[in-house]
Amino acid sequence: MSLFRGGPANRGRTVALIVGVVTFVGAGGWFAGSQMQSPADAAAAHQVPKAGPVTIAVVRQKLTASVVTQGSVEFGAPHAISLSGPVGSPDASGDAQATAQLVTKLPTEGATLREGSVLMQVSGRPVFVLRGPVPMYRTLGPGMSGDDVRQLQGALRRLGHDPGAVSGNYRQGTAAAVNHWYESKGYTPLEPGAADASRLGDLQAAVSQAQLALLSARNGGGTGSGSGSGAGSGSDAATRALELHAAQQQLNQANAALSAFTAGYGTKVPAGEVVFLPDLPVRVDKVKARLGAAPDGEVATVTSADVVVQAVVPGTDGAALRKGMAARIETGDGTRVNGVVSRVGGPGAPAGDTTGDAEKGAGGEADAGDGGGSAPGDPSAPVPVVISVPDPGTLRNQAGLSAKVTVDVGASKGAVLVVPLAAVRTSADGQARVGVLRAGKVVDVRVTVGLSAAGLVAVTADGGSLDEGDQVVVGT
């Protein structure tokens, strides 16, 4: 049978159909062939491409190294206060009016104490605050001497009550100044009590009696006028001599006792009525005494009126800090103030460099330092840092809150070439190098490194070329 039966039109349609079938079959075969792979071709297609270097562009910028830490806003120089003895008349004086030692007025928390301020009251008597490095450790009164007396005299003079010479000797001028001081504050000075006055009267009477006895001894006798035997006359003279000697000794002893007593007789400052502090003014931070209780142990803790931020940094950061470096302080509510590093390390640590200027590195930019206030040893050991705040503003009312502290420990002189720390490696000869990708190849360039901060380091090409925009290798 012929496929082209019929007219020309039928034959044309038949040819078109045959061509279409052939085209479809060919396309299907091509598609199947393109999607089918041999095992070797499939494995080759799934191989990981050969790794190339990972690079980052060299940039030019100013570099600043900073130490950042969290600290606590505090008042500086905390100092615990205890009373050194009783207030008022001590029991040892024999005064029948001695009273119990009970707190009758507490210190005021947050109050500022200046020289001459009253910290608290015990049994209605004051506890004054005065400036001086020697602690109050005894009752001061007439006849005493020492550095504590000199401190008292200096404080009296500063308060406007002239004690006379600031000699360290407690005499009547000092006693008079103490009287004026107490009375100006509305308190009664501790003058001699009834027992002391009675004792003084007894001693004065003893002196008078001894004087009369001596006078009688001098005027007594009459048997030695020359009448009677020589033996009798000599015996009477010896008796009178003995009586005169005894009367003189009695007078000397009475005068000595009176002098010793009057040397300490007068207005005294009880050991518990003055607290000497090295620096004033101070701020009452915590009150530990209880109203109506005995003032035993610590009665309060005072601090300086200065605001500080206490922080702790790792030893590696502490080595970069110096006393006098500027600091920026920011609290959670957005308060920002400026501060100054006032101490690096514990209270006994060396002050360190007071200039606050970092050493200059070989690359012309500031070095981060070569060891600050931290002690040698474990570089990860924590180092305490104190930041003083000269102008605290509202920070004064935020004691106890945390604050972010930032201290810039070094800065480059303007813009410098900067690469990631990962790009710098040290060769066997100790020379720092970076790898630069050029024309598909990695070229070693010797560099001198400078300041580093936040994972970046300043570099200067040493015997090669390194420009902004060059691609340095940081990995593969």
Protein backbone atom coordinates (compact mmCIF):
# COMPACT_ATOMS: atom_id res chain seq x y z
CA MET A 1 0.00 0.00 0.00
CA SER A 2 1.34 3.40 -0.85
CA LEU A 3 1.74 6.01 1.96
CA PHE A 4 1.11 8.78 -0.51
CA ARG A 5 -2.36 7.65 -1.61
CA GLY A 6 -4.63 10.45 -2.43
CA GLY A 7 -4.09 13.86 -3.76
CA PRO A 8 -1.16 16.20 -3.39
CA ALA A 9 -2.60 17.70 -0.20
CA ASN A 10 -2.69 14.35 1.55
CA ARG A 11 0.83 13.57 0.48
CA GLY A 12 2.05 16.90 1.98
CA ARG A 13 0.42 16.25 5.34
CA THR A 14 1.94 12.79 5.48
CA VAL A 15 5.45 14.11 4.83
CA ALA A 16 5.07 16.78 7.56
CA LEU A 17 3.95 14.15 10.03
CA ILE A 18 6.93 11.93 9.28
CA VAL A 19 9.36 14.84 9.68
CA GLY A 20 7.79 15.83 13.03
CA VAL A 21 8.08 12.30 14.40
CA VAL A 22 11.72 12.06 13.40
CA THR A 23 12.48 15.45 14.98
CA PHE A 24 10.80 14.49 18.25
CA VAL A 25 12.62 11.18 18.48
CA GLY A 26 15.96 12.92 17.82
CA ALA A 27 15.37 15.57 20.46
CA GLY A 28 14.41 12.95 23.02
CA GLY A 29 17.55 10.98 22.30
CA TRP A 30 19.70 14.13 22.69
CA PHE A 31 18.06 15.00 26.01
CA ALA A 32 18.47 11.47 27.36
CA GLY A 33 22.10 11.42 26.29
CA SER A 34 22.83 14.76 27.93
CA GLN A 35 21.34 13.66 31.29
CA MET A 36 23.04 10.31 31.47
CA GLN A 37 26.64 10.12 32.88
CA SER A 38 29.04 7.37 33.50
CA PRO A 39 30.12 6.73 37.13
CA ALA A 40 33.52 8.32 36.44
CA ASP A 41 31.90 11.43 34.94
CA ALA A 42 29.56 11.73 37.97
CA ALA A 43 32.46 11.47 40.49
CA ALA A 44 34.47 14.06 38.62
CA ALA A 45 31.52 16.44 38.56
CA HIS A 46 31.18 16.27 42.38
CA GLN A 47 34.81 16.95 43.32
CA VAL A 48 35.43 20.08 45.54
CA PRO A 49 37.07 22.81 43.51
CA LYS A 50 40.70 23.49 44.37
CA ALA A 51 40.83 25.98 47.29
CA GLY A 52 42.22 29.43 46.69
CA PRO A 53 43.48 32.05 49.19
CA VAL A 54 41.00 34.09 51.24
CA THR A 55 41.90 37.76 51.02
CA ILE A 56 40.87 41.09 52.52
CA ALA A 57 41.68 44.51 51.17
CA VAL A 58 44.25 46.74 52.91
CA VAL A 59 42.60 49.92 54.19
CA ARG A 60 43.91 53.26 55.38
CA GLN A 61 42.33 54.61 58.56
CA LYS A 62 43.06 56.03 62.01
CA LEU A 63 43.47 53.28 64.57
CA THR A 64 42.64 53.65 68.26
CA ALA A 65 43.28 50.95 70.86
CA SER A 66 40.89 50.92 73.81
CA VAL A 67 40.30 48.95 77.00
CA VAL A 68 36.59 48.47 77.61
CA THR A 69 35.14 47.07 80.84
CA GLN A 70 32.13 47.24 83.15
CA GLY A 71 32.48 48.89 86.53
CA SER A 72 30.43 50.04 89.51
CA VAL A 73 29.80 53.65 90.48
CA GLU A 74 31.00 54.20 94.05
CA PHE A 75 32.26 56.84 96.43
CA GLY A 76 36.00 56.61 97.00
CA ALA A 77 38.26 55.81 99.97
CA PRO A 78 35.91 53.88 102.27
CA HIS A 79 36.92 54.09 105.95
CA ALA A 80 35.34 52.34 108.95
CA ILE A 81 34.84 54.43 112.10
CA SER A 82 34.97 53.12 115.65
CA LEU A 83 35.07 55.07 118.91
CA SER A 84 38.37 54.79 120.79
CA GLY A 85 36.92 55.08 124.29
CA PRO A 86 34.05 56.40 126.38
CA VAL A 87 32.37 59.75 125.95
CA GLY A 88 31.79 62.07 128.90
CA SER A 89 33.29 61.33 132.30
CA PRO A 90 34.79 57.82 132.44
CA ASP A 91 34.04 55.60 135.41
CA ALA A 92 37.72 55.57 136.35
CA SER A 93 37.46 59.22 137.44
CA GLY A 94 35.30 58.27 140.38
CA ASP A 95 32.59 60.65 139.21
CA ALA A 96 29.27 59.53 140.60
CA GLN A 97 27.54 61.23 137.65
CA ALA A 98 29.08 58.89 135.06
CA THR A 99 26.34 57.71 132.68
CA ALA A 100 25.78 54.63 130.53
CA GLN A 101 27.29 54.66 127.07
CA LEU A 102 24.28 54.51 124.73
CA VAL A 103 23.78 55.93 121.25
CA THR A 104 21.27 58.77 121.50
CA LYS A 105 21.64 60.18 117.97
CA LEU A 106 22.72 58.17 114.93
CA PRO A 107 24.95 59.38 112.10
CA THR A 108 22.98 60.61 109.09
CA GLU A 109 23.50 58.43 106.03
CA GLY A 110 24.60 60.48 103.05
CA ALA A 111 25.58 63.49 105.19
CA THR A 112 28.79 65.38 104.42
CA LEU A 113 31.14 65.76 107.40
CA ARG A 114 33.61 68.62 107.55
CA GLU A 115 36.12 69.51 110.22
CA GLY A 116 34.29 70.12 113.47
CA SER A 117 31.10 68.35 112.37
CA VAL A 118 29.24 66.16 114.86
CA LEU A 119 29.11 62.57 113.63
CA MET A 120 26.72 61.28 116.30
CA GLN A 121 25.78 61.58 119.98
CA VAL A 122 26.40 59.11 122.78
CA SER A 123 24.57 59.71 126.06
CA GLY A 124 23.79 63.21 124.83
CA ARG A 125 27.44 64.10 124.26
CA PRO A 126 29.00 64.79 120.85
CA VAL A 127 31.41 62.78 118.74
CA PHE A 128 33.35 65.32 116.66
CA VAL A 129 35.24 64.74 113.40
CA LEU A 130 38.66 66.40 113.05
CA ARG A 131 41.40 66.13 110.46
CA GLY A 132 44.60 64.29 111.35
CA PRO A 133 46.54 61.11 110.49
CA VAL A 134 47.05 59.91 114.10
CA PRO A 135 44.00 58.02 115.44
CA MET A 136 42.46 59.16 118.70
CA TYR A 137 43.53 56.54 121.24
CA ARG A 138 43.41 58.23 124.67
CA THR A 139 41.73 61.00 126.61
CA LEU A 140 43.60 64.28 126.14
CA GLY A 141 43.97 66.75 128.97
CA PRO A 142 46.32 69.18 130.75
CA GLY A 143 49.85 67.91 131.28
CA MET A 144 49.81 65.55 128.27
CA SER A 145 51.97 65.80 125.18
CA GLY A 146 52.38 64.06 121.83
CA ASP A 147 51.44 64.12 118.16
CA ASP A 148 47.75 63.62 118.98
CA VAL A 149 47.86 66.76 121.14
CA ARG A 150 49.51 68.65 118.27
CA GLN A 151 46.73 67.44 115.92
CA LEU A 152 44.10 68.70 118.35
CA GLN A 153 45.81 72.09 118.64
CA GLY A 154 46.04 72.42 114.86
CA ALA A 155 42.35 71.57 114.44
CA LEU A 156 41.35 74.06 117.15
CA ARG A 157 43.28 76.79 115.37
CA ARG A 158 41.66 75.95 112.00
CA LEU A 159 38.25 76.12 113.69
CA GLY A 160 39.02 79.60 115.03
CA HIS A 161 39.80 78.70 118.66
CA ASP A 162 43.42 79.67 119.28
CA PRO A 163 45.19 77.27 121.67
CA GLY A 164 48.40 79.28 121.66
CA ALA A 165 51.52 77.54 120.38
CA VAL A 166 50.91 74.32 118.42
CA SER A 167 53.59 72.62 120.50
CA GLY A 168 52.11 69.22 121.25
CA ASN A 169 51.88 70.14 124.96
CA TYR A 170 48.39 70.40 126.48
CA ARG A 171 48.45 73.49 128.69
CA GLN A 172 45.87 75.98 129.93
CA GLY A 173 45.72 77.72 126.53
CA THR A 174 44.65 74.46 124.92
CA ALA A 175 42.12 73.82 127.68
CA ALA A 176 40.61 77.29 127.19
CA ALA A 177 40.37 76.72 123.42
CA VAL A 178 38.60 73.40 124.00
CA ASN A 179 36.13 75.16 126.30
CA HIS A 180 35.32 77.77 123.64
CA TRP A 181 34.99 75.10 120.95
CA TYR A 182 32.49 72.96 122.87
CA GLU A 183 30.44 75.95 123.95
CA SER A 184 30.31 77.30 120.36
CA LYS A 185 28.73 73.98 119.29
CA GLY A 186 26.20 74.04 122.14
CA TYR A 187 27.83 71.38 124.33
CA THR A 188 29.31 71.46 127.82
CA PRO A 189 33.06 70.78 127.91
CA LEU A 190 34.27 68.01 130.17
CA GLU A 191 35.52 70.06 133.09
CA PRO A 192 36.64 68.53 136.39
CA GLY A 193 33.83 66.73 138.18
CA ALA A 194 32.87 66.72 141.85
CA ALA A 195 35.28 63.93 142.68
CA ASP A 196 38.18 65.80 141.08
CA ALA A 197 37.23 69.03 142.82
CA SER A 198 37.06 67.21 146.16
CA ARG A 199 40.44 65.62 145.56
CA LEU A 200 41.94 69.00 144.69
CA GLY A 201 40.57 70.46 147.92
CA ASP A 202 42.06 67.62 149.93
CA LEU A 203 45.48 68.09 148.38
CA GLN A 204 45.39 71.84 148.93
CA ALA A 205 44.42 71.28 152.59
CA ALA A 206 47.30 68.84 152.98
CA VAL A 207 49.72 71.48 151.72
CA SER A 208 48.33 74.04 154.18
CA GLN A 209 48.65 71.61 157.10
CA ALA A 210 52.22 70.79 156.12
CA GLN A 211 53.06 74.49 155.97
CA LEU A 212 51.64 75.00 159.51
CA ALA A 213 53.58 72.01 160.80
CA LEU A 214 56.80 73.39 159.34
CA LEU A 215 56.13 76.82 160.85
CA SER A 216 55.47 75.25 164.25
CA ALA A 217 58.68 73.26 164.03
CA ARG A 218 60.65 76.37 163.28
CA ASN A 219 59.12 78.32 166.21
CA GLY A 220 58.83 75.47 168.72
CA GLY A 221 61.09 74.58 171.73
CA GLY A 222 62.73 77.17 174.11
CA THR A 223 64.70 74.67 176.12
CA GLY A 224 67.76 75.41 174.09
CA SER A 225 68.21 78.97 175.56
CA GLY A 226 71.48 78.06 177.33
CA SER A 227 70.11 77.15 180.84
CA GLY A 228 70.56 73.61 182.04
CA SER A 229 73.28 71.12 181.27
CA GLY A 230 75.01 70.95 177.92
CA ALA A 231 73.74 67.44 177.43
CA GLY A 232 70.12 68.57 177.86
CA SER A 233 70.62 71.51 175.53
CA GLY A 234 72.10 69.30 172.84
CA SER A 235 69.20 66.83 173.07
CA ASP A 236 66.60 69.57 172.60
CA ALA A 237 68.42 70.95 169.54
CA ALA A 238 68.56 67.51 167.93
CA THR A 239 64.85 67.01 168.56
CA ARG A 240 63.99 70.34 166.99
CA ALA A 241 66.18 69.55 163.99
CA LEU A 242 64.38 66.25 163.45
CA GLU A 243 60.96 67.89 163.78
CA LEU A 244 61.96 70.59 161.31
CA HIS A 245 63.27 68.02 158.81
CA ALA A 246 60.10 65.93 159.10
CA ALA A 247 57.86 68.96 158.63
CA GLN A 248 59.80 70.02 155.52
CA GLN A 249 59.52 66.53 154.00
CA GLN A 250 55.78 66.49 154.67
CA LEU A 251 55.41 69.85 152.91
CA ASN A 252 57.49 68.69 149.94
CA GLN A 253 55.36 65.56 149.54
CA ALA A 254 52.12 67.55 149.80
CA ASN A 255 53.32 70.05 147.18
CA ALA A 256 54.43 67.22 144.86
CA ALA A 257 51.03 65.52 145.11
CA LEU A 258 49.22 68.78 144.47
CA SER A 259 51.44 69.61 141.47
CA ALA A 260 50.95 66.17 139.96
CA PHE A 261 47.19 66.43 140.30
CA THR A 262 46.87 70.01 139.06
CA ALA A 263 49.06 69.18 136.02
CA GLY A 264 46.16 67.09 134.74
CA TYR A 265 43.38 69.14 136.27
CA GLY A 266 41.25 71.00 133.79
CA THR A 267 39.12 70.54 130.70
CA LYS A 268 39.71 67.22 128.95
CA VAL A 269 38.76 65.74 125.59
CA PRO A 270 37.50 62.17 126.16
CA ALA A 271 38.86 59.47 123.85
CA GLY A 272 35.39 58.73 122.46
CA GLU A 273 34.45 62.32 121.65
CA VAL A 274 36.84 62.88 118.73
CA VAL A 275 37.47 60.87 115.56
CA PHE A 276 40.56 61.89 113.59
CA LEU A 277 40.37 61.20 109.82
CA PRO A 278 43.23 61.72 107.36
CA ASP A 279 41.13 63.66 104.83
CA LEU A 280 38.02 65.79 105.07
CA PRO A 281 35.29 66.31 104.00
CA VAL A 282 33.87 62.79 104.00
CA ARG A 283 30.44 61.34 103.29
CA VAL A 284 28.58 58.99 105.63
CA ASP A 285 28.07 55.89 103.54
CA LYS A 286 26.67 53.28 105.92
CA VAL A 287 25.43 53.53 109.51
CA LYS A 288 26.19 50.47 111.63
CA ALA A 289 25.38 51.74 115.14
CA ARG A 290 21.93 51.16 116.60
CA LEU A 291 19.92 53.75 118.48
CA GLY A 292 19.82 52.96 122.21
CA ALA A 293 22.64 50.42 121.97
CA ALA A 294 26.23 50.71 123.14
CA PRO A 295 28.57 52.11 120.46
CA ASP A 296 30.70 48.97 120.30
CA GLY A 297 32.70 48.12 117.19
CA GLU A 298 32.16 49.99 113.94
CA VAL A 299 29.59 52.75 114.20
CA ALA A 300 29.69 53.92 110.57
CA THR A 301 31.56 53.76 107.28
CA VAL A 302 32.55 56.97 105.57
CA THR A 303 33.87 57.60 102.09
CA SER A 304 35.37 60.55 100.34
CA ALA A 305 32.93 62.89 98.63
CA ASP A 306 34.53 62.01 95.29
CA VAL A 307 32.76 59.70 92.84
CA VAL A 308 34.82 56.84 91.39
CA VAL A 309 34.16 53.83 89.19
CA GLN A 310 35.59 50.55 90.48
CA ALA A 311 36.36 48.03 87.74
CA VAL A 312 38.40 44.89 87.09
CA VAL A 313 40.24 44.10 83.84
CA PRO A 314 42.34 41.12 82.69
CA GLY A 315 46.06 41.42 83.30
CA THR A 316 46.76 41.90 79.60
CA ASP A 317 44.51 44.97 79.57
CA GLY A 318 45.82 46.19 82.92
CA ALA A 319 49.34 46.21 81.48
CA ALA A 320 48.23 48.81 78.94
CA LEU A 321 46.70 51.18 81.48
CA ARG A 322 48.50 54.11 83.11
CA LYS A 323 47.54 56.46 85.90
CA GLY A 324 46.28 59.72 84.38
CA MET A 325 44.78 58.19 81.21
CA ALA A 326 41.45 59.71 80.16
CA ALA A 327 38.35 57.52 80.42
CA ARG A 328 34.79 57.70 79.14
CA ILE A 329 31.99 56.51 81.41
CA GLU A 330 28.45 55.64 80.33
CA THR A 331 25.60 54.30 82.45
CA GLY A 332 22.58 52.31 81.33
CA ASP A 333 20.33 55.37 81.26
CA GLY A 334 22.64 57.16 78.82
CA THR A 335 24.52 59.36 81.31
CA ARG A 336 27.98 60.15 79.94
CA VAL A 337 30.82 61.71 81.94
CA ASN A 338 34.59 61.88 81.67
CA GLY A 339 36.98 60.25 84.12
CA VAL A 340 40.66 59.69 84.77
CA VAL A 341 42.49 56.47 85.68
CA SER A 342 43.59 57.09 89.28
CA ARG A 343 44.89 53.64 90.21
CA VAL A 344 45.84 50.42 88.42
CA GLY A 345 46.20 47.42 90.73
CA GLY A 346 45.46 47.03 94.42
CA PRO A 347 46.03 49.72 97.08
CA GLY A 348 49.70 48.76 97.34
CA ALA A 349 50.35 48.71 93.59
CA PRO A 350 52.76 51.22 92.02
CA ALA A 351 51.10 54.30 90.59
CA GLY A 352 52.58 53.78 87.15
CA ASP A 353 53.13 56.44 84.51
CA THR A 354 51.31 59.62 85.51
CA THR A 355 51.58 61.23 82.11
CA GLY A 356 49.04 59.00 80.44
CA ASP A 357 51.03 59.14 77.18
CA ALA A 358 51.67 55.86 75.43
CA GLU A 359 55.08 54.93 74.10
CA LYS A 360 55.59 55.50 70.41
CA GLY A 361 55.99 52.42 68.25
CA ALA A 362 58.48 51.89 65.46
CA GLY A 363 55.81 52.42 62.87
CA GLY A 364 55.20 55.98 63.99
CA GLU A 365 51.98 55.26 65.84
CA ALA A 366 51.41 55.03 69.57
CA ASP A 367 52.19 51.69 71.17
CA ALA A 368 49.71 50.25 73.61
CA GLY A 369 52.33 50.15 76.35
CA ASP A 370 54.81 47.73 77.82
CA GLY A 371 53.31 46.97 81.21
CA GLY A 372 51.37 49.24 83.49
CA GLY A 373 50.17 48.94 87.02
CA SER A 374 49.59 45.20 86.90
CA ALA A 375 51.99 43.04 88.81
CA PRO A 376 54.10 40.47 86.95
CA GLY A 377 52.72 36.96 86.85
CA ASP A 378 49.71 35.39 85.21
CA PRO A 379 48.69 37.74 82.35
CA SER A 380 45.08 36.61 82.72
CA ALA A 381 44.93 37.49 86.43
CA PRO A 382 42.35 40.20 87.14
CA VAL A 383 43.63 43.70 87.87
CA PRO A 384 41.50 46.21 89.85
CA VAL A 385 41.21 49.68 88.32
CA VAL A 386 39.87 52.87 89.88
CA ILE A 387 38.52 55.66 87.65
CA SER A 388 38.06 59.04 89.35
CA VAL A 389 35.29 61.34 88.11
CA PRO A 390 36.20 65.02 88.63
CA ASP A 391 32.80 66.32 87.51
CA PRO A 392 30.26 63.53 88.19
CA GLY A 393 27.09 65.57 87.67
CA THR A 394 24.06 63.29 88.03
CA LEU A 395 26.38 60.31 88.45
CA ARG A 396 26.69 61.37 92.10
CA ASN A 397 23.16 60.08 92.62
CA GLN A 398 23.78 56.71 90.96
CA ALA A 399 26.09 55.02 93.46
CA GLY A 400 25.90 51.25 93.15
CA LEU A 401 24.89 51.21 89.48
CA SER A 402 27.00 49.64 86.76
CA ALA A 403 28.72 51.70 84.10
CA LYS A 404 30.67 51.05 80.91
CA VAL A 405 34.24 52.34 81.02
CA THR A 406 36.32 52.98 77.90
CA VAL A 407 39.98 53.98 78.12
CA ASP A 408 41.90 54.81 74.95
CA VAL A 409 45.38 53.39 75.52
CA GLY A 410 46.92 54.40 72.18
CA ALA A 411 46.17 56.02 68.83
CA SER A 412 47.90 56.25 65.47
CA LYS A 413 49.15 59.54 64.10
CA GLY A 414 46.46 60.05 61.53
CA ALA A 415 45.45 57.43 58.97
CA VAL A 416 47.71 54.38 58.60
CA LEU A 417 47.64 51.18 56.55
CA VAL A 418 45.64 48.57 58.46
CA VAL A 419 45.32 44.82 57.95
CA PRO A 420 43.65 42.07 60.01
CA LEU A 421 45.86 40.49 62.64
CA ALA A 422 45.26 37.15 60.89
CA ALA A 423 47.12 38.46 57.85
CA VAL A 424 50.40 38.92 59.73
CA ARG A 425 52.72 35.99 60.28
CA THR A 426 56.22 35.78 61.65
CA SER A 427 58.86 33.86 59.71
CA ALA A 428 61.74 31.85 61.19
CA ASP A 429 64.01 34.91 61.13
CA GLY A 430 61.55 36.83 63.34
CA GLN A 431 60.45 39.13 60.51
CA ALA A 432 56.74 39.96 60.24
CA ARG A 433 55.28 39.36 56.79
CA VAL A 434 52.00 39.52 54.92
CA GLY A 435 51.00 37.65 51.79
CA VAL A 436 49.69 39.86 48.96
CA LEU A 437 47.72 38.35 46.06
CA ARG A 438 49.05 39.74 42.78
CA ALA A 439 48.27 38.36 39.31
CA GLY A 440 46.97 35.14 40.82
CA LYS A 441 50.13 34.60 42.91
CA VAL A 442 50.83 35.26 46.61
CA VAL A 443 53.83 37.54 47.15
CA ASP A 444 55.49 37.90 50.57
CA VAL A 445 55.94 41.49 51.78
CA ARG A 446 57.97 42.22 54.91
CA VAL A 447 56.24 44.66 57.25
CA THR A 448 56.77 46.47 60.54
CA VAL A 449 53.74 46.20 62.80
CA GLY A 450 52.48 49.02 65.00
CA LEU A 451 49.39 49.62 67.08
CA SER A 452 46.77 46.87 67.20
CA ALA A 453 43.13 47.21 68.16
CA ALA A 454 39.90 45.28 67.66
CA GLY A 455 41.55 42.56 65.57
CA LEU A 456 43.35 45.05 63.30
CA VAL A 457 47.00 46.08 63.23
CA ALA A 458 48.84 48.98 61.65
CA VAL A 459 51.61 47.91 59.23
CA THR A 460 54.35 49.62 57.24
CA ALA A 461 55.98 47.90 54.28
CA ASP A 462 59.64 47.08 54.90
CA GLY A 463 61.52 46.62 51.68
CA GLY A 464 58.46 46.06 49.50
CA SER A 465 55.30 47.74 48.37
CA LEU A 466 51.97 47.67 50.13
CA ASP A 467 49.15 50.00 49.18
CA GLU A 468 45.58 50.65 50.07
CA GLY A 469 43.33 48.23 48.23
CA ASP A 470 45.93 45.43 48.00
CA GLN A 471 44.47 42.03 48.81
CA VAL A 472 46.25 40.39 51.78
CA VAL A 473 45.83 36.71 52.52
CA VAL A 474 44.03 35.85 55.76
CA GLY A 475 43.38 32.14 55.08
CA THR A 476 42.91 29.48 52.47
